[in-house]
Amino acid sequence: MPVVIPVFRYTSYGLLAHPDLLRDIPDLSGALKWYRVNQHYLICTVIEQVIYVVTIQHGSMDIPNRLLALEPTLQREVEFMHDAFLRCLKQ
């Protein structure tokens, strides 16, 4: 069962109310955006006004290079999550 850290739960509510807080990631595809929470970065994408947190990275990591390596897989995972989300809405 996933554990939601309270600060991230609070942040997710804030992002739902203000999705314009997400920032573009330079030198990467326009699909990924970031939001900083203390020493961590939420890496997100938005599809049809739904925000998906695809990974959480610590600020000490080389985030641009890490995301370049993960990006193709992350995009497929988001597509699977979005399809599952839409199926749940239809039930």
PDB file of N, CA and C in Angstrom:
ATOM      1  N   MET A   1       0.845  -1.174   0.000  1.00  0.00           N
ATOM      2  CA  MET A   1       0.000   0.000   0.000  1.00  0.00           C
ATOM      3  C   MET A   1       0.896   1.245   0.000  1.00  0.00           C
ATOM      4  N   PRO A   2       0.653   2.200  -0.908  1.00  0.00           N
ATOM      5  CA  PRO A   2       1.481   3.403  -0.951  1.00  0.00           C
ATOM      6  C   PRO A   2       1.297   4.249   0.309  1.00  0.00           C
ATOM      7  N   VAL A   3       2.367   4.864   0.716  1.00  0.00           N
ATOM      8  CA  VAL A   3       2.333   5.762   1.858  1.00  0.00           C
ATOM      9  C   VAL A   3       2.453   7.180   1.339  1.00  0.00           C
ATOM     10  N   VAL A   4       1.539   8.047   1.762  1.00  0.00           N
ATOM     11  CA  VAL A   4       1.596   9.444   1.354  1.00  0.00           C
ATOM     12  C   VAL A   4       2.177  10.243   2.505  1.00  0.00           C
ATOM     13  N   ILE A   5       3.338  10.839   2.285  1.00  0.00           N
ATOM     14  CA  ILE A   5       3.979  11.664   3.302  1.00  0.00           C
ATOM     15  C   ILE A   5       3.138  12.927   3.455  1.00  0.00           C
ATOM     16  N   PRO A   6       2.813  13.338   4.698  1.00  0.00           N
ATOM     17  CA  PRO A   6       1.896  14.480   4.878  1.00  0.00           C
ATOM     18  C   PRO A   6       2.248  15.726   4.076  1.00  0.00           C
ATOM     19  N   VAL A   7       3.512  16.100   3.996  1.00  0.00           N
ATOM     20  CA  VAL A   7       3.849  17.315   3.247  1.00  0.00           C
ATOM     21  C   VAL A   7       3.507  17.160   1.776  1.00  0.00           C
ATOM     22  N   PHE A   8       3.662  15.960   1.221  1.00  0.00           N
ATOM     23  CA  PHE A   8       3.310  15.740  -0.172  1.00  0.00           C
ATOM     24  C   PHE A   8       1.787  15.737  -0.347  1.00  0.00           C
ATOM     25  N   ARG A   9       1.064  15.228   0.646  1.00  0.00           N
ATOM     26  CA  ARG A   9      -0.396  15.250   0.572  1.00  0.00           C
ATOM     27  C   ARG A   9      -0.877  16.702   0.534  1.00  0.00           C
ATOM     28  N   TYR A  10      -0.347  17.541   1.399  1.00  0.00           N
ATOM     29  CA  TYR A  10      -0.721  18.955   1.424  1.00  0.00           C
ATOM     30  C   TYR A  10      -0.373  19.621   0.095  1.00  0.00           C
ATOM     31  N   THR A  11       0.805  19.310  -0.425  1.00  0.00           N
ATOM     32  CA  THR A  11       1.236  19.877  -1.697  1.00  0.00           C
ATOM     33  C   THR A  11       0.326  19.441  -2.831  1.00  0.00           C
ATOM     34  N   SER A  12      -0.092  18.183  -2.827  1.00  0.00           N
ATOM     35  CA  SER A  12      -0.955  17.715  -3.912  1.00  0.00           C
ATOM     36  C   SER A  12      -2.282  18.467  -3.911  1.00  0.00           C
ATOM     37  N   TYR A  13      -2.811  18.782  -2.731  1.00  0.00           N
ATOM     38  CA  TYR A  13      -4.043  19.578  -2.689  1.00  0.00           C
ATOM     39  C   TYR A  13      -3.795  20.973  -3.253  1.00  0.00           C
ATOM     40  N   GLY A  14      -2.635  21.542  -2.949  1.00  0.00           N
ATOM     41  CA  GLY A  14      -2.300  22.864  -3.475  1.00  0.00           C
ATOM     42  C   GLY A  14      -2.169  22.854  -4.986  1.00  0.00           C
ATOM     43  N   LEU A  15      -1.570  21.808  -5.530  1.00  0.00           N
ATOM     44  CA  LEU A  15      -1.415  21.709  -6.979  1.00  0.00           C
ATOM     45  C   LEU A  15      -2.761  21.508  -7.670  1.00  0.00           C
ATOM     46  N   LEU A  16      -3.656  20.801  -7.029  1.00  0.00           N
ATOM     47  CA  LEU A  16      -4.990  20.640  -7.613  1.00  0.00           C
ATOM     48  C   LEU A  16      -5.692  21.983  -7.737  1.00  0.00           C
ATOM     49  N   ALA A  17      -5.515  22.823  -6.739  1.00  0.00           N
ATOM     50  CA  ALA A  17      -6.164  24.135  -6.759  1.00  0.00           C
ATOM     51  C   ALA A  17      -5.418  25.128  -7.648  1.00  0.00           C
ATOM     52  N   HIS A  18      -4.095  24.936  -7.787  1.00  0.00           N
ATOM     53  CA  HIS A  18      -3.270  25.885  -8.544  1.00  0.00           C
ATOM     54  C   HIS A  18      -2.279  25.138  -9.438  1.00  0.00           C
ATOM     55  N   PRO A  19      -2.758  24.475 -10.486  1.00  0.00           N
ATOM     56  CA  PRO A  19      -1.842  23.709 -11.347  1.00  0.00           C
ATOM     57  C   PRO A  19      -0.820  24.578 -12.067  1.00  0.00           C
ATOM     58  N   ASP A  20      -1.044  25.896 -12.094  1.00  0.00           N
ATOM     59  CA  ASP A  20      -0.082  26.799 -12.727  1.00  0.00           C
ATOM     60  C   ASP A  20       1.217  26.886 -11.930  1.00  0.00           C
ATOM     61  N   LEU A  21       1.282  26.300 -10.733  1.00  0.00           N
ATOM     62  CA  LEU A  21       2.515  26.276  -9.948  1.00  0.00           C
ATOM     63  C   LEU A  21       3.544  25.312 -10.528  1.00  0.00           C
ATOM     64  N   LEU A  22       3.098  24.390 -11.369  1.00  0.00           N
ATOM     65  CA  LEU A  22       4.035  23.459 -12.016  1.00  0.00           C
ATOM     66  C   LEU A  22       4.910  24.227 -12.998  1.00  0.00           C
ATOM     67  N   ARG A  23       6.179  23.916 -13.009  1.00  0.00           N
ATOM     68  CA  ARG A  23       7.153  24.598 -13.871  1.00  0.00           C
ATOM     69  C   ARG A  23       7.665  23.651 -14.947  1.00  0.00           C
ATOM     70  N   ASP A  24       7.951  24.214 -16.118  1.00  0.00           N
ATOM     71  CA  ASP A  24       8.549  23.423 -17.198  1.00  0.00           C
ATOM     72  C   ASP A  24       9.967  23.021 -16.822  1.00  0.00           C
ATOM     73  N   ILE A  25      10.404  21.913 -17.390  1.00  0.00           N
ATOM     74  CA  ILE A  25      11.773  21.451 -17.184  1.00  0.00           C
ATOM     75  C   ILE A  25      12.552  21.774 -18.452  1.00  0.00           C
ATOM     76  N   PRO A  26      13.493  22.734 -18.379  1.00  0.00           N
ATOM     77  CA  PRO A  26      14.267  23.087 -19.578  1.00  0.00           C
ATOM     78  C   PRO A  26      15.029  21.883 -20.133  1.00  0.00           C
ATOM     79  N   ASP A  27      15.167  21.845 -21.423  1.00  0.00           N
ATOM     80  CA  ASP A  27      15.935  20.819 -22.136  1.00  0.00           C
ATOM     81  C   ASP A  27      15.299  19.435 -22.095  1.00  0.00           C
ATOM     82  N   LEU A  28      14.079  19.324 -21.619  1.00  0.00           N
ATOM     83  CA  LEU A  28      13.365  18.050 -21.673  1.00  0.00           C
ATOM     84  C   LEU A  28      12.062  18.279 -22.414  1.00  0.00           C
ATOM     85  N   SER A  29      11.359  17.210 -22.665  1.00  0.00           N
ATOM     86  CA  SER A  29      10.105  17.354 -23.400  1.00  0.00           C
ATOM     87  C   SER A  29       9.145  18.243 -22.623  1.00  0.00           C
ATOM     88  N   GLY A  30       8.230  18.851 -23.324  1.00  0.00           N
ATOM     89  CA  GLY A  30       7.258  19.708 -22.683  1.00  0.00           C
ATOM     90  C   GLY A  30       6.262  18.959 -21.823  1.00  0.00           C
ATOM     91  N   ALA A  31       6.290  17.641 -21.850  1.00  0.00           N
ATOM     92  CA  ALA A  31       5.317  16.851 -21.090  1.00  0.00           C
ATOM     93  C   ALA A  31       5.615  16.854 -19.592  1.00  0.00           C
ATOM     94  N   LEU A  32       6.887  16.922 -19.219  1.00  0.00           N
ATOM     95  CA  LEU A  32       7.246  16.851 -17.805  1.00  0.00           C
ATOM     96  C   LEU A  32       7.347  18.237 -17.193  1.00  0.00           C
ATOM     97  N   LYS A  33       6.843  18.345 -15.959  1.00  0.00           N
ATOM     98  CA  LYS A  33       6.907  19.595 -15.215  1.00  0.00           C
ATOM     99  C   LYS A  33       7.365  19.269 -13.795  1.00  0.00           C
ATOM    100  N   TRP A  34       7.795  20.275 -13.048  1.00  0.00           N
ATOM    101  CA  TRP A  34       8.279  20.025 -11.695  1.00  0.00           C
ATOM    102  C   TRP A  34       7.666  20.995 -10.700  1.00  0.00           C
ATOM    103  N   TYR A  35       7.698  20.551  -9.441  1.00  0.00           N
ATOM    104  CA  TYR A  35       7.294  21.395  -8.326  1.00  0.00           C
ATOM    105  C   TYR A  35       8.170  21.024  -7.142  1.00  0.00           C
ATOM    106  N   ARG A  36       8.759  22.030  -6.494  1.00  0.00           N
ATOM    107  CA  ARG A  36       9.687  21.769  -5.390  1.00  0.00           C
ATOM    108  C   ARG A  36       8.933  21.705  -4.063  1.00  0.00           C
ATOM    109  N   VAL A  37       9.284  20.679  -3.270  1.00  0.00           N
ATOM    110  CA  VAL A  37       8.768  20.514  -1.918  1.00  0.00           C
ATOM    111  C   VAL A  37       9.974  20.268  -1.015  1.00  0.00           C
ATOM    112  N   ASN A  38      10.361  21.300  -0.280  1.00  0.00           N
ATOM    113  CA  ASN A  38      11.549  21.228   0.574  1.00  0.00           C
ATOM    114  C   ASN A  38      12.761  20.797  -0.259  1.00  0.00           C
ATOM    115  N   GLN A  39      13.357  19.644   0.042  1.00  0.00           N
ATOM    116  CA  GLN A  39      14.539  19.187  -0.688  1.00  0.00           C
ATOM    117  C   GLN A  39      14.201  18.234  -1.834  1.00  0.00           C
ATOM    118  N   HIS A  40      12.939  18.079  -2.121  1.00  0.00           N
ATOM    119  CA  HIS A  40      12.515  17.141  -3.155  1.00  0.00           C
ATOM    120  C   HIS A  40      11.807  17.871  -4.292  1.00  0.00           C
ATOM    121  N   TYR A  41      11.786  17.217  -5.430  1.00  0.00           N
ATOM    122  CA  TYR A  41      11.078  17.726  -6.608  1.00  0.00           C
ATOM    123  C   TYR A  41      10.052  16.703  -7.029  1.00  0.00           C
ATOM    124  N   LEU A  42       8.809  17.152  -7.145  1.00  0.00           N
ATOM    125  CA  LEU A  42       7.777  16.308  -7.719  1.00  0.00           C
ATOM    126  C   LEU A  42       7.859  16.488  -9.228  1.00  0.00           C
ATOM    127  N   ILE A  43       8.040  15.421  -9.939  1.00  0.00           N
ATOM    128  CA  ILE A  43       8.077  15.468 -11.398  1.00  0.00           C
ATOM    129  C   ILE A  43       6.702  14.981 -11.866  1.00  0.00           C
ATOM    130  N   CYS A  44       6.019  15.849 -12.603  1.00  0.00           N
ATOM    131  CA  CYS A  44       4.622  15.611 -12.947  1.00  0.00           C
ATOM    132  C   CYS A  44       4.396  15.754 -14.447  1.00  0.00           C
ATOM    133  N   THR A  45       3.255  15.290 -14.859  1.00  0.00           N
ATOM    134  CA  THR A  45       2.754  15.570 -16.186  1.00  0.00           C
ATOM    135  C   THR A  45       1.254  15.802 -16.061  1.00  0.00           C
ATOM    136  N   VAL A  46       0.697  16.535 -16.997  1.00  0.00           N
ATOM    137  CA  VAL A  46      -0.731  16.856 -16.960  1.00  0.00           C
ATOM    138  C   VAL A  46      -1.368  16.354 -18.250  1.00  0.00           C
ATOM    139  N   ILE A  47      -2.413  15.551 -18.083  1.00  0.00           N
ATOM    140  CA  ILE A  47      -3.175  15.054 -19.227  1.00  0.00           C
ATOM    141  C   ILE A  47      -4.647  15.352 -18.954  1.00  0.00           C
ATOM    142  N   GLU A  48      -5.271  16.093 -19.844  1.00  0.00           N
ATOM    143  CA  GLU A  48      -6.693  16.420 -19.726  1.00  0.00           C
ATOM    144  C   GLU A  48      -7.032  16.946 -18.329  1.00  0.00           C
ATOM    145  N   GLN A  49      -6.255  17.875 -17.843  1.00  0.00           N
ATOM    146  CA  GLN A  49      -6.435  18.545 -16.554  1.00  0.00           C
ATOM    147  C   GLN A  49      -6.261  17.622 -15.354  1.00  0.00           C
ATOM    148  N   VAL A  50      -5.654  16.454 -15.537  1.00  0.00           N
ATOM    149  CA  VAL A  50      -5.329  15.546 -14.443  1.00  0.00           C
ATOM    150  C   VAL A  50      -3.817  15.597 -14.248  1.00  0.00           C
ATOM    151  N   ILE A  51      -3.382  15.860 -13.003  1.00  0.00           N
ATOM    152  CA  ILE A  51      -1.953  15.926 -12.691  1.00  0.00           C
ATOM    153  C   ILE A  51      -1.504  14.550 -12.208  1.00  0.00           C
ATOM    154  N   TYR A  52      -0.474  14.016 -12.856  1.00  0.00           N
ATOM    155  CA  TYR A  52       0.114  12.736 -12.451  1.00  0.00           C
ATOM    156  C   TYR A  52       1.519  13.006 -11.931  1.00  0.00           C
ATOM    157  N   VAL A  53       1.794  12.587 -10.698  1.00  0.00           N
ATOM    158  CA  VAL A  53       3.154  12.652 -10.160  1.00  0.00           C
ATOM    159  C   VAL A  53       3.833  11.369 -10.616  1.00  0.00           C
ATOM    160  N   VAL A  54       4.844  11.517 -11.481  1.00  0.00           N
ATOM    161  CA  VAL A  54       5.472  10.333 -12.064  1.00  0.00           C
ATOM    162  C   VAL A  54       6.707   9.889 -11.297  1.00  0.00           C
ATOM    163  N   THR A  55       7.348  10.807 -10.595  1.00  0.00           N
ATOM    164  CA  THR A  55       8.485  10.449  -9.756  1.00  0.00           C
ATOM    165  C   THR A  55       8.757  11.586  -8.779  1.00  0.00           C
ATOM    166  N   ILE A  56       9.399  11.244  -7.688  1.00  0.00           N
ATOM    167  CA  ILE A  56       9.855  12.226  -6.709  1.00  0.00           C
ATOM    168  C   ILE A  56      11.363  12.078  -6.629  1.00  0.00           C
ATOM    169  N   GLN A  57      12.078  13.171  -6.842  1.00  0.00           N
ATOM    170  CA  GLN A  57      13.540  13.135  -6.864  1.00  0.00           C
ATOM    171  C   GLN A  57      14.095  14.055  -5.783  1.00  0.00           C
ATOM    172  N   HIS A  58      15.147  13.606  -5.126  1.00  0.00           N
ATOM    173  CA  HIS A  58      15.828  14.449  -4.142  1.00  0.00           C
ATOM    174  C   HIS A  58      16.660  15.499  -4.870  1.00  0.00           C
ATOM    175  N   GLY A  59      16.713  16.706  -4.316  1.00  0.00           N
ATOM    176  CA  GLY A  59      17.417  17.810  -4.952  1.00  0.00           C
ATOM    177  C   GLY A  59      18.911  17.595  -5.125  1.00  0.00           C
ATOM    178  N   SER A  60      19.493  16.658  -4.366  1.00  0.00           N
ATOM    179  CA  SER A  60      20.929  16.412  -4.491  1.00  0.00           C
ATOM    180  C   SER A  60      21.272  15.572  -5.718  1.00  0.00           C
ATOM    181  N   MET A  61      20.264  14.983  -6.353  1.00  0.00           N
ATOM    182  CA  MET A  61      20.507  14.148  -7.534  1.00  0.00           C
ATOM    183  C   MET A  61      20.706  15.008  -8.777  1.00  0.00           C
ATOM    184  N   ASP A  62      21.318  14.430  -9.769  1.00  0.00           N
ATOM    185  CA  ASP A  62      21.451  15.079 -11.074  1.00  0.00           C
ATOM    186  C   ASP A  62      20.125  14.861 -11.814  1.00  0.00           C
ATOM    187  N   ILE A  63      19.143  15.679 -11.487  1.00  0.00           N
ATOM    188  CA  ILE A  63      17.781  15.449 -11.958  1.00  0.00           C
ATOM    189  C   ILE A  63      17.652  15.488 -13.477  1.00  0.00           C
ATOM    190  N   PRO A  64      18.229  16.470 -14.167  1.00  0.00           N
ATOM    191  CA  PRO A  64      18.069  16.465 -15.638  1.00  0.00           C
ATOM    192  C   PRO A  64      18.563  15.180 -16.298  1.00  0.00           C
ATOM    193  N   ASN A  65      19.744  14.698 -15.916  1.00  0.00           N
ATOM    194  CA  ASN A  65      20.256  13.471 -16.530  1.00  0.00           C
ATOM    195  C   ASN A  65      19.450  12.250 -16.108  1.00  0.00           C
ATOM    196  N   ARG A  66      19.001  12.240 -14.865  1.00  0.00           N
ATOM    197  CA  ARG A  66      18.176  11.127 -14.391  1.00  0.00           C
ATOM    198  C   ARG A  66      16.859  11.073 -15.170  1.00  0.00           C
ATOM    199  N   LEU A  67      16.260  12.228 -15.391  1.00  0.00           N
ATOM    200  CA  LEU A  67      14.996  12.270 -16.130  1.00  0.00           C
ATOM    201  C   LEU A  67      15.174  11.912 -17.594  1.00  0.00           C
ATOM    202  N   LEU A  68      16.303  12.307 -18.172  1.00  0.00           N
ATOM    203  CA  LEU A  68      16.566  11.922 -19.564  1.00  0.00           C
ATOM    204  C   LEU A  68      16.587  10.402 -19.709  1.00  0.00           C
ATOM    205  N   ALA A  69      17.147   9.736 -18.700  1.00  0.00           N
ATOM    206  CA  ALA A  69      17.203   8.271 -18.735  1.00  0.00           C
ATOM    207  C   ALA A  69      15.829   7.649 -18.495  1.00  0.00           C
ATOM    208  N   LEU A  70      15.019   8.281 -17.648  1.00  0.00           N
ATOM    209  CA  LEU A  70      13.717   7.722 -17.278  1.00  0.00           C
ATOM    210  C   LEU A  70      12.579   8.129 -18.200  1.00  0.00           C
ATOM    211  N   GLU A  71      12.732   9.231 -18.919  1.00  0.00           N
ATOM    212  CA  GLU A  71      11.613   9.860 -19.614  1.00  0.00           C
ATOM    213  C   GLU A  71      10.797   8.934 -20.518  1.00  0.00           C
ATOM    214  N   PRO A  72      11.404   8.129 -21.381  1.00  0.00           N
ATOM    215  CA  PRO A  72      10.555   7.288 -22.250  1.00  0.00           C
ATOM    216  C   PRO A  72       9.674   6.334 -21.444  1.00  0.00           C
ATOM    217  N   THR A  73      10.225   5.732 -20.402  1.00  0.00           N
ATOM    218  CA  THR A  73       9.466   4.813 -19.569  1.00  0.00           C
ATOM    219  C   THR A  73       8.405   5.557 -18.778  1.00  0.00           C
ATOM    220  N   LEU A  74       8.756   6.724 -18.241  1.00  0.00           N
ATOM    221  CA  LEU A  74       7.792   7.510 -17.477  1.00  0.00           C
ATOM    222  C   LEU A  74       6.579   7.867 -18.322  1.00  0.00           C
ATOM    223  N   GLN A  75       6.803   8.241 -19.565  1.00  0.00           N
ATOM    224  CA  GLN A  75       5.691   8.627 -20.428  1.00  0.00           C
ATOM    225  C   GLN A  75       4.747   7.450 -20.671  1.00  0.00           C
ATOM    226  N   ARG A  76       5.297   6.254 -20.878  1.00  0.00           N
ATOM    227  CA  ARG A  76       4.446   5.066 -21.054  1.00  0.00           C
ATOM    228  C   ARG A  76       3.666   4.763 -19.779  1.00  0.00           C
ATOM    229  N   GLU A  77       4.330   4.890 -18.618  1.00  0.00           N
ATOM    230  CA  GLU A  77       3.659   4.637 -17.348  1.00  0.00           C
ATOM    231  C   GLU A  77       2.502   5.612 -17.139  1.00  0.00           C
ATOM    232  N   VAL A  78       2.706   6.871 -17.506  1.00  0.00           N
ATOM    233  CA  VAL A  78       1.641   7.863 -17.368  1.00  0.00           C
ATOM    234  C   VAL A  78       0.465   7.504 -18.268  1.00  0.00           C
ATOM    235  N   GLU A  79       0.740   7.066 -19.473  1.00  0.00           N
ATOM    236  CA  GLU A  79      -0.337   6.667 -20.376  1.00  0.00           C
ATOM    237  C   GLU A  79      -1.137   5.506 -19.784  1.00  0.00           C
ATOM    238  N   PHE A  80      -0.445   4.528 -19.156  1.00  0.00           N
ATOM    239  CA  PHE A  80      -1.136   3.414 -18.507  1.00  0.00           C
ATOM    240  C   PHE A  80      -1.981   3.920 -17.337  1.00  0.00           C
ATOM    241  N   MET A  81      -1.408   4.823 -16.517  1.00  0.00           N
ATOM    242  CA  MET A  81      -2.157   5.374 -15.376  1.00  0.00           C
ATOM    243  C   MET A  81      -3.390   6.126 -15.852  1.00  0.00           C
ATOM    244  N   HIS A  82      -3.229   6.910 -16.905  1.00  0.00           N
ATOM    245  CA  HIS A  82      -4.347   7.696 -17.406  1.00  0.00           C
ATOM    246  C   HIS A  82      -5.450   6.793 -17.950  1.00  0.00           C
ATOM    247  N   ASP A  83      -5.075   5.766 -18.682  1.00  0.00           N
ATOM    248  CA  ASP A  83      -6.071   4.809 -19.189  1.00  0.00           C
ATOM    249  C   ASP A  83      -6.811   4.140 -18.033  1.00  0.00           C
ATOM    250  N   ALA A  84      -6.072   3.742 -16.984  1.00  0.00           N
ATOM    251  CA  ALA A  84      -6.695   3.107 -15.820  1.00  0.00           C
ATOM    252  C   ALA A  84      -7.621   4.091 -15.106  1.00  0.00           C
ATOM    253  N   PHE A  85      -7.210   5.331 -15.012  1.00  0.00           N
ATOM    254  CA  PHE A  85      -8.033   6.367 -14.391  1.00  0.00           C
ATOM    255  C   PHE A  85      -9.347   6.538 -15.162  1.00  0.00           C
ATOM    256  N   LEU A  86      -9.259   6.599 -16.477  1.00  0.00           N
ATOM    257  CA  LEU A  86     -10.463   6.760 -17.293  1.00  0.00           C
ATOM    258  C   LEU A  86     -11.389   5.551 -17.155  1.00  0.00           C
ATOM    259  N   ARG A  87     -10.822   4.350 -17.078  1.00  0.00           N
ATOM    260  CA  ARG A  87     -11.634   3.136 -16.889  1.00  0.00           C
ATOM    261  C   ARG A  87     -12.371   3.195 -15.546  1.00  0.00           C
ATOM    262  N   CYS A  88     -11.697   3.678 -14.504  1.00  0.00           N
ATOM    263  CA  CYS A  88     -12.328   3.799 -13.190  1.00  0.00           C
ATOM    264  C   CYS A  88     -13.485   4.785 -13.209  1.00  0.00           C
ATOM    265  N   LEU A  89     -13.338   5.854 -13.966  1.00  0.00           N
ATOM    266  CA  LEU A  89     -14.406   6.838 -14.044  1.00  0.00           C
ATOM    267  C   LEU A  89     -15.652   6.277 -14.706  1.00  0.00           C
ATOM    268  N   LYS A  90     -15.463   5.331 -15.633  1.00  0.00           N
ATOM    269  CA  LYS A  90     -16.591   4.750 -16.363  1.00  0.00           C
ATOM    270  C   LYS A  90     -17.353   3.715 -15.540  1.00  0.00           C
ATOM    271  N   GLN A  91     -16.738   3.215 -14.480  1.00  0.00           N
ATOM    272  CA  GLN A  91     -17.388   2.164 -13.673  1.00  0.00           C
ATOM    273  C   GLN A  91     -18.387   2.737 -12.716  1.00  0.00           C
TER     274      GLN A  91
END
